[in-house]
């Protein structure tokens, strides 16, 4: 009976481990999705970032991503400036290179979006 319990526990542990090992970490899935979307873009991330920074003089890119938004492929940049705690989000069309939106978000709102 004791050996049977050990065998069952070993089988369950192996199944649990195999299930966990087969799942991709969330950050890896996000990186793969970002790479796939970036491959579809006509405008490189570097060019889009240059365009975004022209809208926020003295700004530094804190975070960037590419995403589909309202049927459009968009490079999105969160930009900070030394004189403000607010974050400027600048969106650049990945097909045309045009700035499609500039929004100011408070640091608190940005933190809540991350959660």
PDB file of N, CA and C in Angstrom:
ATOM      1  N   UNK A   1       0.825  -1.189   0.000  1.00  0.00           N
ATOM      2  CA  UNK A   1       0.000   0.000   0.000  1.00  0.00           C
ATOM      3  C   UNK A   1       0.874   1.260   0.000  1.00  0.00           C
ATOM      4  N   UNK A   2       1.924   1.225   0.810  1.00  0.00           N
ATOM      5  CA  UNK A   2       2.814   2.375   0.903  1.00  0.00           C
ATOM      6  C   UNK A   2       3.493   2.645  -0.448  1.00  0.00           C
ATOM      7  N   UNK A   3       3.935   1.589  -1.107  1.00  0.00           N
ATOM      8  CA  UNK A   3       4.565   1.743  -2.427  1.00  0.00           C
ATOM      9  C   UNK A   3       3.577   2.279  -3.447  1.00  0.00           C
ATOM     10  N   UNK A   4       2.323   1.865  -3.339  1.00  0.00           N
ATOM     11  CA  UNK A   4       1.302   2.346  -4.262  1.00  0.00           C
ATOM     12  C   UNK A   4       1.078   3.846  -4.067  1.00  0.00           C
ATOM     13  N   UNK A   5       1.040   4.311  -2.823  1.00  0.00           N
ATOM     14  CA  UNK A   5       0.867   5.745  -2.535  1.00  0.00           C
ATOM     15  C   UNK A   5       2.045   6.538  -3.107  1.00  0.00           C
ATOM     16  N   UNK A   6       3.254   5.989  -2.921  1.00  0.00           N
ATOM     17  CA  UNK A   6       4.434   6.667  -3.455  1.00  0.00           C
ATOM     18  C   UNK A   6       4.371   6.752  -4.984  1.00  0.00           C
ATOM     19  N   UNK A   7       3.939   5.659  -5.598  1.00  0.00           N
ATOM     20  CA  UNK A   7       3.843   5.628  -7.054  1.00  0.00           C
ATOM     21  C   UNK A   7       2.825   6.651  -7.553  1.00  0.00           C
ATOM     22  N   UNK A   8       1.684   6.719  -6.887  1.00  0.00           N
ATOM     23  CA  UNK A   8       0.647   7.685  -7.276  1.00  0.00           C
ATOM     24  C   UNK A   8       1.164   9.104  -7.088  1.00  0.00           C
ATOM     25  N   UNK A   9       1.813   9.364  -5.961  1.00  0.00           N
ATOM     26  CA  UNK A   9       2.367  10.703  -5.708  1.00  0.00           C
ATOM     27  C   UNK A   9       3.435  11.058  -6.749  1.00  0.00           C
ATOM     28  N   UNK A  10       4.267  10.099  -7.104  1.00  0.00           N
ATOM     29  CA  UNK A  10       5.301  10.348  -8.108  1.00  0.00           C
ATOM     30  C   UNK A  10       4.684  10.661  -9.463  1.00  0.00           C
ATOM     31  N   UNK A  11       3.658   9.912  -9.828  1.00  0.00           N
ATOM     32  CA  UNK A  11       2.979  10.148 -11.099  1.00  0.00           C
ATOM     33  C   UNK A  11       2.328  11.527 -11.111  1.00  0.00           C
ATOM     34  N   UNK A  12       1.652  11.865 -10.016  1.00  0.00           N
ATOM     35  CA  UNK A  12       1.010  13.185  -9.947  1.00  0.00           C
ATOM     36  C   UNK A  12       2.041  14.304  -9.993  1.00  0.00           C
ATOM     37  N   UNK A  13       3.135  14.132  -9.284  1.00  0.00           N
ATOM     38  CA  UNK A  13       4.185  15.166  -9.286  1.00  0.00           C
ATOM     39  C   UNK A  13       4.786  15.319 -10.677  1.00  0.00           C
ATOM     40  N   UNK A  14       5.019  14.198 -11.361  1.00  0.00           N
ATOM     41  CA  UNK A  14       5.577  14.259 -12.707  1.00  0.00           C
ATOM     42  C   UNK A  14       4.613  14.940 -13.671  1.00  0.00           C
ATOM     43  N   UNK A  15       3.331  14.632 -13.544  1.00  0.00           N
ATOM     44  CA  UNK A  15       2.327  15.257 -14.419  1.00  0.00           C
ATOM     45  C   UNK A  15       2.251  16.756 -14.157  1.00  0.00           C
ATOM     46  N   UNK A  16       2.276  17.132 -12.905  1.00  0.00           N
ATOM     47  CA  UNK A  16       2.234  18.556 -12.560  1.00  0.00           C
ATOM     48  C   UNK A  16       3.463  19.272 -13.093  1.00  0.00           C
ATOM     49  N   UNK A  17       4.622  18.688 -12.914  1.00  0.00           N
ATOM     50  CA  UNK A  17       5.858  19.294 -13.399  1.00  0.00           C
ATOM     51  C   UNK A  17       5.835  19.417 -14.917  1.00  0.00           C
ATOM     52  N   UNK A  18       5.388  18.376 -15.586  1.00  0.00           N
ATOM     53  CA  UNK A  18       5.337  18.401 -17.058  1.00  0.00           C
ATOM     54  C   UNK A  18       4.389  19.481 -17.549  1.00  0.00           C
ATOM     55  N   UNK A  19       3.270  19.643 -16.877  1.00  0.00           N
ATOM     56  CA  UNK A  19       2.310  20.680 -17.249  1.00  0.00           C
ATOM     57  C   UNK A  19       2.890  22.070 -17.073  1.00  0.00           C
ATOM     58  N   UNK A  20       3.589  22.287 -15.991  1.00  0.00           N
ATOM     59  CA  UNK A  20       4.200  23.594 -15.737  1.00  0.00           C
ATOM     60  C   UNK A  20       5.347  23.862 -16.702  1.00  0.00           C
ATOM     61  N   UNK A  21       6.112  22.838 -16.986  1.00  0.00           N
ATOM     62  CA  UNK A  21       7.276  23.016 -17.857  1.00  0.00           C
ATOM     63  C   UNK A  21       6.872  23.285 -19.298  1.00  0.00           C
ATOM     64  N   UNK A  22       5.704  22.807 -19.702  1.00  0.00           N
ATOM     65  CA  UNK A  22       5.304  22.975 -21.092  1.00  0.00           C
ATOM     66  C   UNK A  22       4.713  24.345 -21.387  1.00  0.00           C
ATOM     67  N   UNK A  23       4.289  25.053 -20.369  1.00  0.00           N
ATOM     68  CA  UNK A  23       3.721  26.386 -20.581  1.00  0.00           C
ATOM     69  C   UNK A  23       4.838  27.409 -20.742  1.00  0.00           C
ATOM     70  N   UNK A  24       4.655  28.322 -21.687  1.00  0.00           N
ATOM     71  CA  UNK A  24       5.634  29.387 -21.881  1.00  0.00           C
ATOM     72  C   UNK A  24       5.404  30.450 -20.820  1.00  0.00           C
ATOM     73  N   UNK A  25       6.475  31.006 -20.320  1.00  0.00           N
ATOM     74  CA  UNK A  25       6.309  32.130 -19.399  1.00  0.00           C
ATOM     75  C   UNK A  25       5.610  33.287 -20.122  1.00  0.00           C
ATOM     76  N   UNK A  26       4.848  34.039 -19.368  1.00  0.00           N
ATOM     77  CA  UNK A  26       4.071  35.142 -19.939  1.00  0.00           C
ATOM     78  C   UNK A  26       4.950  36.137 -20.694  1.00  0.00           C
ATOM     79  N   UNK A  27       6.104  36.471 -20.137  1.00  0.00           N
ATOM     80  CA  UNK A  27       6.978  37.448 -20.812  1.00  0.00           C
ATOM     81  C   UNK A  27       7.508  36.905 -22.139  1.00  0.00           C
ATOM     82  N   UNK A  28       7.712  35.584 -22.226  1.00  0.00           N
ATOM     83  CA  UNK A  28       8.183  35.002 -23.482  1.00  0.00           C
ATOM     84  C   UNK A  28       7.089  35.083 -24.543  1.00  0.00           C
ATOM     85  N   UNK A  29       5.845  34.837 -24.147  1.00  0.00           N
ATOM     86  CA  UNK A  29       4.732  34.949 -25.089  1.00  0.00           C
ATOM     87  C   UNK A  29       4.602  36.382 -25.595  1.00  0.00           C
ATOM     88  N   UNK A  30       4.769  37.346 -24.686  1.00  0.00           N
ATOM     89  CA  UNK A  30       4.671  38.747 -25.078  1.00  0.00           C
ATOM     90  C   UNK A  30       5.796  39.110 -26.057  1.00  0.00           C
ATOM     91  N   UNK A  31       6.998  38.636 -25.794  1.00  0.00           N
ATOM     92  CA  UNK A  31       8.125  38.918 -26.687  1.00  0.00           C
ATOM     93  C   UNK A  31       7.881  38.338 -28.081  1.00  0.00           C
ATOM     94  N   UNK A  32       7.344  37.129 -28.128  1.00  0.00           N
ATOM     95  CA  UNK A  32       7.062  36.503 -29.419  1.00  0.00           C
ATOM     96  C   UNK A  32       5.998  37.282 -30.186  1.00  0.00           C
ATOM     97  N   UNK A  33       4.967  37.728 -29.469  1.00  0.00           N
ATOM     98  CA  UNK A  33       3.900  38.515 -30.095  1.00  0.00           C
ATOM     99  C   UNK A  33       4.457  39.844 -30.607  1.00  0.00           C
ATOM    100  N   UNK A  34       5.303  40.487 -29.798  1.00  0.00           N
ATOM    101  CA  UNK A  34       5.918  41.751 -30.204  1.00  0.00           C
ATOM    102  C   UNK A  34       6.773  41.558 -31.462  1.00  0.00           C
ATOM    103  N   UNK A  35       7.537  40.479 -31.507  1.00  0.00           N
ATOM    104  CA  UNK A  35       8.394  40.206 -32.667  1.00  0.00           C
ATOM    105  C   UNK A  35       7.548  39.976 -33.924  1.00  0.00           C
ATOM    106  N   UNK A  36       6.462  39.263 -33.772  1.00  0.00           N
ATOM    107  CA  UNK A  36       5.580  38.991 -34.917  1.00  0.00           C
ATOM    108  C   UNK A  36       4.981  40.297 -35.444  1.00  0.00           C
ATOM    109  N   UNK A  37       4.505  41.148 -34.545  1.00  0.00           N
ATOM    110  CA  UNK A  37       3.922  42.424 -34.964  1.00  0.00           C
ATOM    111  C   UNK A  37       4.987  43.337 -35.576  1.00  0.00           C
ATOM    112  N   UNK A  38       6.171  43.362 -34.988  1.00  0.00           N
ATOM    113  CA  UNK A  38       7.257  44.203 -35.509  1.00  0.00           C
ATOM    114  C   UNK A  38       7.627  43.795 -36.931  1.00  0.00           C
ATOM    115  N   UNK A  39       7.543  42.500 -37.221  1.00  0.00           N
ATOM    116  CA  UNK A  39       7.855  42.014 -38.571  1.00  0.00           C
ATOM    117  C   UNK A  39       6.838  42.528 -39.592  1.00  0.00           C
ATOM    118  N   UNK A  40       5.626  42.851 -39.138  1.00  0.00           N
ATOM    119  CA  UNK A  40       4.593  43.377 -40.025  1.00  0.00           C
ATOM    120  C   UNK A  40       4.748  44.882 -40.281  1.00  0.00           C
ATOM    121  N   UNK A  41       5.499  45.565 -39.423  1.00  0.00           N
ATOM    122  CA  UNK A  41       5.621  47.021 -39.492  1.00  0.00           C
ATOM    123  C   UNK A  41       6.455  47.455 -40.695  1.00  0.00           C
ATOM    124  N   UNK A  42       6.027  48.532 -41.327  1.00  0.00           N
ATOM    125  CA  UNK A  42       6.797  49.132 -42.412  1.00  0.00           C
ATOM    126  C   UNK A  42       7.795  50.149 -41.864  1.00  0.00           C
ATOM    127  N   UNK A  43       7.481  50.697 -40.696  1.00  0.00           N
ATOM    128  CA  UNK A  43       8.336  51.682 -40.023  1.00  0.00           C
ATOM    129  C   UNK A  43       9.055  50.968 -38.884  1.00  0.00           C
ATOM    130  N   UNK A  44      10.372  51.083 -38.826  1.00  0.00           N
ATOM    131  CA  UNK A  44      11.134  50.412 -37.769  1.00  0.00           C
ATOM    132  C   UNK A  44      10.861  51.063 -36.416  1.00  0.00           C
ATOM    133  N   UNK A  45      11.141  50.315 -35.371  1.00  0.00           N
ATOM    134  CA  UNK A  45      10.978  50.852 -34.025  1.00  0.00           C
ATOM    135  C   UNK A  45      11.884  52.069 -33.821  1.00  0.00           C
ATOM    136  N   UNK A  46      13.094  52.000 -34.323  1.00  0.00           N
ATOM    137  CA  UNK A  46      14.039  53.117 -34.164  1.00  0.00           C
ATOM    138  C   UNK A  46      13.518  54.384 -34.840  1.00  0.00           C
ATOM    139  N   UNK A  47      12.974  54.257 -36.044  1.00  0.00           N
ATOM    140  CA  UNK A  47      12.445  55.426 -36.746  1.00  0.00           C
ATOM    141  C   UNK A  47      11.204  55.976 -36.040  1.00  0.00           C
ATOM    142  N   UNK A  48      10.348  55.069 -35.587  1.00  0.00           N
ATOM    143  CA  UNK A  48       9.147  55.501 -34.872  1.00  0.00           C
ATOM    144  C   UNK A  48       9.512  56.189 -33.559  1.00  0.00           C
ATOM    145  N   UNK A  49      10.525  55.669 -32.888  1.00  0.00           N
ATOM    146  CA  UNK A  49      10.965  56.266 -31.625  1.00  0.00           C
ATOM    147  C   UNK A  49      11.523  57.667 -31.858  1.00  0.00           C
ATOM    148  N   UNK A  50      12.281  57.842 -32.914  1.00  0.00           N
ATOM    149  CA  UNK A  50      12.825  59.165 -33.250  1.00  0.00           C
ATOM    150  C   UNK A  50      11.682  60.160 -33.463  1.00  0.00           C
ATOM    151  N   UNK A  51      10.652  59.722 -34.191  1.00  0.00           N
ATOM    152  CA  UNK A  51       9.483  60.575 -34.442  1.00  0.00           C
ATOM    153  C   UNK A  51       8.778  60.911 -33.127  1.00  0.00           C
ATOM    154  N   UNK A  52       8.619  59.909 -32.256  1.00  0.00           N
ATOM    155  CA  UNK A  52       7.940  60.127 -30.969  1.00  0.00           C
ATOM    156  C   UNK A  52       8.717  61.114 -30.100  1.00  0.00           C
ATOM    157  N   UNK A  53      10.037  60.983 -30.066  1.00  0.00           N
ATOM    158  CA  UNK A  53      10.852  61.868 -29.232  1.00  0.00           C
ATOM    159  C   UNK A  53      10.853  63.305 -29.741  1.00  0.00           C
ATOM    160  N   UNK A  54      10.594  63.513 -31.025  1.00  0.00           N
ATOM    161  CA  UNK A  54      10.477  64.868 -31.554  1.00  0.00           C
ATOM    162  C   UNK A  54       9.272  65.587 -30.941  1.00  0.00           C
ATOM    163  N   UNK A  55       8.269  64.822 -30.500  1.00  0.00           N
ATOM    164  CA  UNK A  55       7.071  65.401 -29.887  1.00  0.00           C
ATOM    165  C   UNK A  55       7.248  65.713 -28.409  1.00  0.00           C
ATOM    166  N   UNK A  56       8.311  65.161 -27.799  1.00  0.00           N
ATOM    167  CA  UNK A  56       8.558  65.369 -26.364  1.00  0.00           C
ATOM    168  C   UNK A  56      10.022  65.774 -26.193  1.00  0.00           C
ATOM    169  N   UNK A  57      10.322  67.054 -26.412  1.00  0.00           N
ATOM    170  CA  UNK A  57      11.709  67.521 -26.310  1.00  0.00           C
ATOM    171  C   UNK A  57      12.319  67.196 -24.944  1.00  0.00           C
ATOM    172  N   UNK A  58      13.530  66.662 -24.961  1.00  0.00           N
ATOM    173  CA  UNK A  58      14.220  66.308 -23.716  1.00  0.00           C
ATOM    174  C   UNK A  58      13.710  65.016 -23.102  1.00  0.00           C
ATOM    175  N   UNK A  59      12.822  64.313 -23.794  1.00  0.00           N
ATOM    176  CA  UNK A  59      12.231  63.096 -23.254  1.00  0.00           C
ATOM    177  C   UNK A  59      13.120  61.874 -23.395  1.00  0.00           C
ATOM    178  N   UNK A  60      12.803  60.895 -22.558  1.00  0.00           N
ATOM    179  CA  UNK A  60      13.502  59.617 -22.563  1.00  0.00           C
ATOM    180  C   UNK A  60      12.441  58.525 -22.623  1.00  0.00           C
ATOM    181  N   UNK A  61      12.625  57.570 -23.526  1.00  0.00           N
ATOM    182  CA  UNK A  61      11.666  56.473 -23.649  1.00  0.00           C
ATOM    183  C   UNK A  61      11.824  55.548 -22.444  1.00  0.00           C
ATOM    184  N   UNK A  62      10.728  55.405 -21.709  1.00  0.00           N
ATOM    185  CA  UNK A  62      10.696  54.526 -20.541  1.00  0.00           C
ATOM    186  C   UNK A  62      10.288  53.114 -20.952  1.00  0.00           C
ATOM    187  N   UNK A  63       9.366  53.041 -21.897  1.00  0.00           N
ATOM    188  CA  UNK A  63       8.849  51.744 -22.334  1.00  0.00           C
ATOM    189  C   UNK A  63       8.280  51.889 -23.732  1.00  0.00           C
ATOM    190  N   UNK A  64       8.356  50.819 -24.506  1.00  0.00           N
ATOM    191  CA  UNK A  64       7.773  50.854 -25.840  1.00  0.00           C
ATOM    192  C   UNK A  64       7.185  49.493 -26.167  1.00  0.00           C
ATOM    193  N   UNK A  65       6.230  49.518 -27.083  1.00  0.00           N
ATOM    194  CA  UNK A  65       5.644  48.270 -27.563  1.00  0.00           C
ATOM    195  C   UNK A  65       4.970  48.528 -28.897  1.00  0.00           C
ATOM    196  N   UNK A  66       4.692  47.441 -29.592  1.00  0.00           N
ATOM    197  CA  UNK A  66       3.931  47.533 -30.823  1.00  0.00           C
ATOM    198  C   UNK A  66       2.637  46.766 -30.578  1.00  0.00           C
ATOM    199  N   UNK A  67       1.543  47.335 -31.070  1.00  0.00           N
ATOM    200  CA  UNK A  67       0.244  46.719 -30.810  1.00  0.00           C
ATOM    201  C   UNK A  67      -0.739  47.062 -31.913  1.00  0.00           C
ATOM    202  N   UNK A  68      -1.761  46.254 -32.012  1.00  0.00           N
ATOM    203  CA  UNK A  68      -2.867  46.552 -32.923  1.00  0.00           C
ATOM    204  C   UNK A  68      -3.894  47.312 -32.113  1.00  0.00           C
ATOM    205  N   UNK A  69      -4.250  48.480 -32.618  1.00  0.00           N
ATOM    206  CA  UNK A  69      -5.218  49.313 -31.922  1.00  0.00           C
ATOM    207  C   UNK A  69      -6.179  49.887 -32.949  1.00  0.00           C
ATOM    208  N   UNK A  70      -7.452  49.595 -32.782  1.00  0.00           N
ATOM    209  CA  UNK A  70      -8.485  50.059 -33.712  1.00  0.00           C
ATOM    210  C   UNK A  70      -8.152  49.661 -35.151  1.00  0.00           C
ATOM    211  N   UNK A  71      -7.659  48.420 -35.318  1.00  0.00           N
ATOM    212  CA  UNK A  71      -7.353  47.915 -36.648  1.00  0.00           C
ATOM    213  C   UNK A  71      -6.070  48.448 -37.255  1.00  0.00           C
ATOM    214  N   UNK A  72      -5.302  49.187 -36.472  1.00  0.00           N
ATOM    215  CA  UNK A  72      -4.079  49.822 -36.956  1.00  0.00           C
ATOM    216  C   UNK A  72      -2.887  49.283 -36.175  1.00  0.00           C
ATOM    217  N   UNK A  73      -1.761  49.086 -36.851  1.00  0.00           N
ATOM    218  CA  UNK A  73      -0.536  48.669 -36.181  1.00  0.00           C
ATOM    219  C   UNK A  73       0.171  49.926 -35.681  1.00  0.00           C
ATOM    220  N   UNK A  74       0.413  49.984 -34.379  1.00  0.00           N
ATOM    221  CA  UNK A  74       0.907  51.202 -33.725  1.00  0.00           C
ATOM    222  C   UNK A  74       2.144  50.904 -32.883  1.00  0.00           C
ATOM    223  N   UNK A  75       3.149  51.759 -33.027  1.00  0.00           N
ATOM    224  CA  UNK A  75       4.260  51.780 -32.072  1.00  0.00           C
ATOM    225  C   UNK A  75       3.838  52.725 -30.958  1.00  0.00           C
ATOM    226  N   UNK A  76       3.920  52.285 -29.720  1.00  0.00           N
ATOM    227  CA  UNK A  76       3.523  53.105 -28.578  1.00  0.00           C
ATOM    228  C   UNK A  76       4.738  53.317 -27.675  1.00  0.00           C
ATOM    229  N   UNK A  77       4.977  54.584 -27.314  1.00  0.00           N
ATOM    230  CA  UNK A  77       6.135  54.932 -26.488  1.00  0.00           C
ATOM    231  C   UNK A  77       5.685  55.699 -25.254  1.00  0.00           C
ATOM    232  N   UNK A  78       6.130  55.246 -24.077  1.00  0.00           N
ATOM    233  CA  UNK A  78       5.930  55.984 -22.836  1.00  0.00           C
ATOM    234  C   UNK A  78       7.203  56.781 -22.615  1.00  0.00           C
ATOM    235  N   UNK A  79       7.047  58.105 -22.583  1.00  0.00           N
ATOM    236  CA  UNK A  79       8.206  58.997 -22.526  1.00  0.00           C
ATOM    237  C   UNK A  79       8.131  59.865 -21.277  1.00  0.00           C
ATOM    238  N   UNK A  80       9.243  59.930 -20.564  1.00  0.00           N
ATOM    239  CA  UNK A  80       9.335  60.774 -19.371  1.00  0.00           C
ATOM    240  C   UNK A  80      10.245  61.961 -19.673  1.00  0.00           C
ATOM    241  N   UNK A  81      10.054  63.013 -18.886  1.00  0.00           N
ATOM    242  CA  UNK A  81      10.930  64.186 -18.974  1.00  0.00           C
ATOM    243  C   UNK A  81      11.413  64.514 -17.570  1.00  0.00           C
ATOM    244  N   UNK A  82      12.597  65.100 -17.462  1.00  0.00           N
ATOM    245  CA  UNK A  82      13.172  65.381 -16.144  1.00  0.00           C
ATOM    246  C   UNK A  82      12.335  66.353 -15.305  1.00  0.00           C
ATOM    247  N   UNK A  83      11.577  67.215 -15.950  1.00  0.00           N
ATOM    248  CA  UNK A  83      10.848  68.247 -15.218  1.00  0.00           C
ATOM    249  C   UNK A  83       9.416  67.850 -14.842  1.00  0.00           C
ATOM    250  N   UNK A  84       9.030  66.586 -15.061  1.00  0.00           N
ATOM    251  CA  UNK A  84       7.653  66.177 -14.788  1.00  0.00           C
ATOM    252  C   UNK A  84       7.594  64.707 -14.378  1.00  0.00           C
ATOM    253  N   UNK A  85       6.629  64.399 -13.511  1.00  0.00           N
ATOM    254  CA  UNK A  85       6.390  63.003 -13.142  1.00  0.00           C
ATOM    255  C   UNK A  85       5.394  62.357 -14.099  1.00  0.00           C
ATOM    256  N   UNK A  86       4.730  63.185 -14.905  1.00  0.00           N
ATOM    257  CA  UNK A  86       3.768  62.663 -15.869  1.00  0.00           C
ATOM    258  C   UNK A  86       4.492  61.922 -16.993  1.00  0.00           C
ATOM    259  N   UNK A  87       3.738  61.102 -17.675  1.00  0.00           N
ATOM    260  CA  UNK A  87       4.266  60.323 -18.784  1.00  0.00           C
ATOM    261  C   UNK A  87       3.506  60.695 -20.041  1.00  0.00           C
ATOM    262  N   UNK A  88       4.245  60.963 -21.100  1.00  0.00           N
ATOM    263  CA  UNK A  88       3.622  61.222 -22.403  1.00  0.00           C
ATOM    264  C   UNK A  88       3.600  59.897 -23.151  1.00  0.00           C
ATOM    265  N   UNK A  89       2.428  59.518 -23.597  1.00  0.00           N
ATOM    266  CA  UNK A  89       2.322  58.341 -24.443  1.00  0.00           C
ATOM    267  C   UNK A  89       2.159  58.838 -25.869  1.00  0.00           C
ATOM    268  N   UNK A  90       3.122  58.485 -26.704  1.00  0.00           N
ATOM    269  CA  UNK A  90       3.091  58.896 -28.104  1.00  0.00           C
ATOM    270  C   UNK A  90       2.910  57.646 -28.952  1.00  0.00           C
ATOM    271  N   UNK A  91       1.891  57.684 -29.809  1.00  0.00           N
ATOM    272  CA  UNK A  91       1.605  56.552 -30.688  1.00  0.00           C
ATOM    273  C   UNK A  91       1.953  56.934 -32.124  1.00  0.00           C
ATOM    274  N   UNK A  92       2.714  56.056 -32.773  1.00  0.00           N
ATOM    275  CA  UNK A  92       3.170  56.286 -34.139  1.00  0.00           C
ATOM    276  C   UNK A  92       2.656  55.136 -35.006  1.00  0.00           C
ATOM    277  N   UNK A  93       2.003  55.483 -36.104  1.00  0.00           N
ATOM    278  CA  UNK A  93       1.491  54.480 -37.037  1.00  0.00           C
ATOM    279  C   UNK A  93       2.670  53.707 -37.624  1.00  0.00           C
ATOM    280  N   UNK A  94       2.646  52.388 -37.484  1.00  0.00           N
ATOM    281  CA  UNK A  94       3.754  51.548 -37.934  1.00  0.00           C
ATOM    282  C   UNK A  94       3.776  51.342 -39.444  1.00  0.00           C
ATOM    283  N   UNK A  95       2.735  51.821 -40.130  1.00  0.00           N
ATOM    284  CA  UNK A  95       2.701  51.714 -41.593  1.00  0.00           C
ATOM    285  C   UNK A  95       3.126  53.015 -42.264  1.00  0.00           C
ATOM    286  N   UNK A  96       2.777  54.151 -41.638  1.00  0.00           N
ATOM    287  CA  UNK A  96       3.038  55.439 -42.275  1.00  0.00           C
ATOM    288  C   UNK A  96       4.103  56.276 -41.580  1.00  0.00           C
ATOM    289  N   UNK A  97       4.351  56.008 -40.300  1.00  0.00           N
ATOM    290  CA  UNK A  97       5.299  56.812 -39.529  1.00  0.00           C
ATOM    291  C   UNK A  97       4.703  58.079 -38.969  1.00  0.00           C
ATOM    292  N   UNK A  98       3.394  58.283 -39.146  1.00  0.00           N
ATOM    293  CA  UNK A  98       2.729  59.480 -38.627  1.00  0.00           C
ATOM    294  C   UNK A  98       2.374  59.316 -37.159  1.00  0.00           C
ATOM    295  N   UNK A  99       2.482  60.412 -36.411  1.00  0.00           N
ATOM    296  CA  UNK A  99       2.023  60.416 -35.024  1.00  0.00           C
ATOM    297  C   UNK A  99       0.502  60.441 -35.054  1.00  0.00           C
ATOM    298  N   UNK A 100      -0.120  59.466 -34.392  1.00  0.00           N
ATOM    299  CA  UNK A 100      -1.574  59.385 -34.398  1.00  0.00           C
ATOM    300  C   UNK A 100      -2.199  59.809 -33.079  1.00  0.00           C
ATOM    301  N   UNK A 101      -1.381  59.858 -32.011  1.00  0.00           N
ATOM    302  CA  UNK A 101      -1.911  60.308 -30.717  1.00  0.00           C
ATOM    303  C   UNK A 101      -0.768  60.686 -29.788  1.00  0.00           C
ATOM    304  N   UNK A 102      -1.040  61.693 -28.964  1.00  0.00           N
ATOM    305  CA  UNK A 102      -0.138  62.077 -27.887  1.00  0.00           C
ATOM    306  C   UNK A 102      -1.015  62.317 -26.675  1.00  0.00           C
ATOM    307  N   UNK A 103      -0.788  61.554 -25.619  1.00  0.00           N
ATOM    308  CA  UNK A 103      -1.593  61.680 -24.403  1.00  0.00           C
ATOM    309  C   UNK A 103      -0.668  61.849 -23.213  1.00  0.00           C
ATOM    310  N   UNK A 104      -1.139  62.617 -22.239  1.00  0.00           N
ATOM    311  CA  UNK A 104      -0.401  62.775 -20.997  1.00  0.00           C
ATOM    312  C   UNK A 104      -1.088  61.943 -19.932  1.00  0.00           C
ATOM    313  N   UNK A 105      -0.311  61.095 -19.265  1.00  0.00           N
ATOM    314  CA  UNK A 105      -0.836  60.260 -18.196  1.00  0.00           C
ATOM    315  C   UNK A 105      -0.054  60.552 -16.927  1.00  0.00           C
ATOM    316  N   UNK A 106      -0.779  60.608 -15.810  1.00  0.00           N
ATOM    317  CA  UNK A 106      -0.087  60.793 -14.537  1.00  0.00           C
ATOM    318  C   UNK A 106       0.671  59.517 -14.198  1.00  0.00           C
ATOM    319  N   UNK A 107       1.703  59.641 -13.389  1.00  0.00           N
ATOM    320  CA  UNK A 107       2.484  58.485 -12.985  1.00  0.00           C
ATOM    321  C   UNK A 107       1.604  57.484 -12.248  1.00  0.00           C
ATOM    322  N   UNK A 108       0.631  57.983 -11.453  1.00  0.00           N
ATOM    323  CA  UNK A 108      -0.288  57.100 -10.725  1.00  0.00           C
ATOM    324  C   UNK A 108      -1.154  56.288 -11.679  1.00  0.00           C
ATOM    325  N   UNK A 109      -1.688  56.949 -12.693  1.00  0.00           N
ATOM    326  CA  UNK A 109      -2.538  56.253 -13.681  1.00  0.00           C
ATOM    327  C   UNK A 109      -1.720  55.205 -14.422  1.00  0.00           C
ATOM    328  N   UNK A 110      -0.507  55.534 -14.788  1.00  0.00           N
ATOM    329  CA  UNK A 110       0.370  54.608 -15.498  1.00  0.00           C
ATOM    330  C   UNK A 110       0.647  53.371 -14.639  1.00  0.00           C
ATOM    331  N   UNK A 111       0.896  53.581 -13.348  1.00  0.00           N
ATOM    332  CA  UNK A 111       1.172  52.467 -12.430  1.00  0.00           C
ATOM    333  C   UNK A 111      -0.050  51.555 -12.318  1.00  0.00           C
ATOM    334  N   UNK A 112      -1.232  52.136 -12.281  1.00  0.00           N
ATOM    335  CA  UNK A 112      -2.461  51.353 -12.193  1.00  0.00           C
ATOM    336  C   UNK A 112      -2.685  50.528 -13.462  1.00  0.00           C
ATOM    337  N   UNK A 113      -2.308  51.056 -14.622  1.00  0.00           N
ATOM    338  CA  UNK A 113      -2.438  50.327 -15.881  1.00  0.00           C
ATOM    339  C   UNK A 113      -1.542  49.100 -15.892  1.00  0.00           C
ATOM    340  N   UNK A 114      -0.405  49.166 -15.230  1.00  0.00           N
ATOM    341  CA  UNK A 114       0.532  48.041 -15.196  1.00  0.00           C
ATOM    342  C   UNK A 114      -0.008  46.887 -14.361  1.00  0.00           C
ATOM    343  N   UNK A 115      -0.841  47.208 -13.388  1.00  0.00           N
ATOM    344  CA  UNK A 115      -1.384  46.167 -12.498  1.00  0.00           C
ATOM    345  C   UNK A 115      -2.490  45.422 -13.115  1.00  0.00           C
TER     346      UNK A 115
END
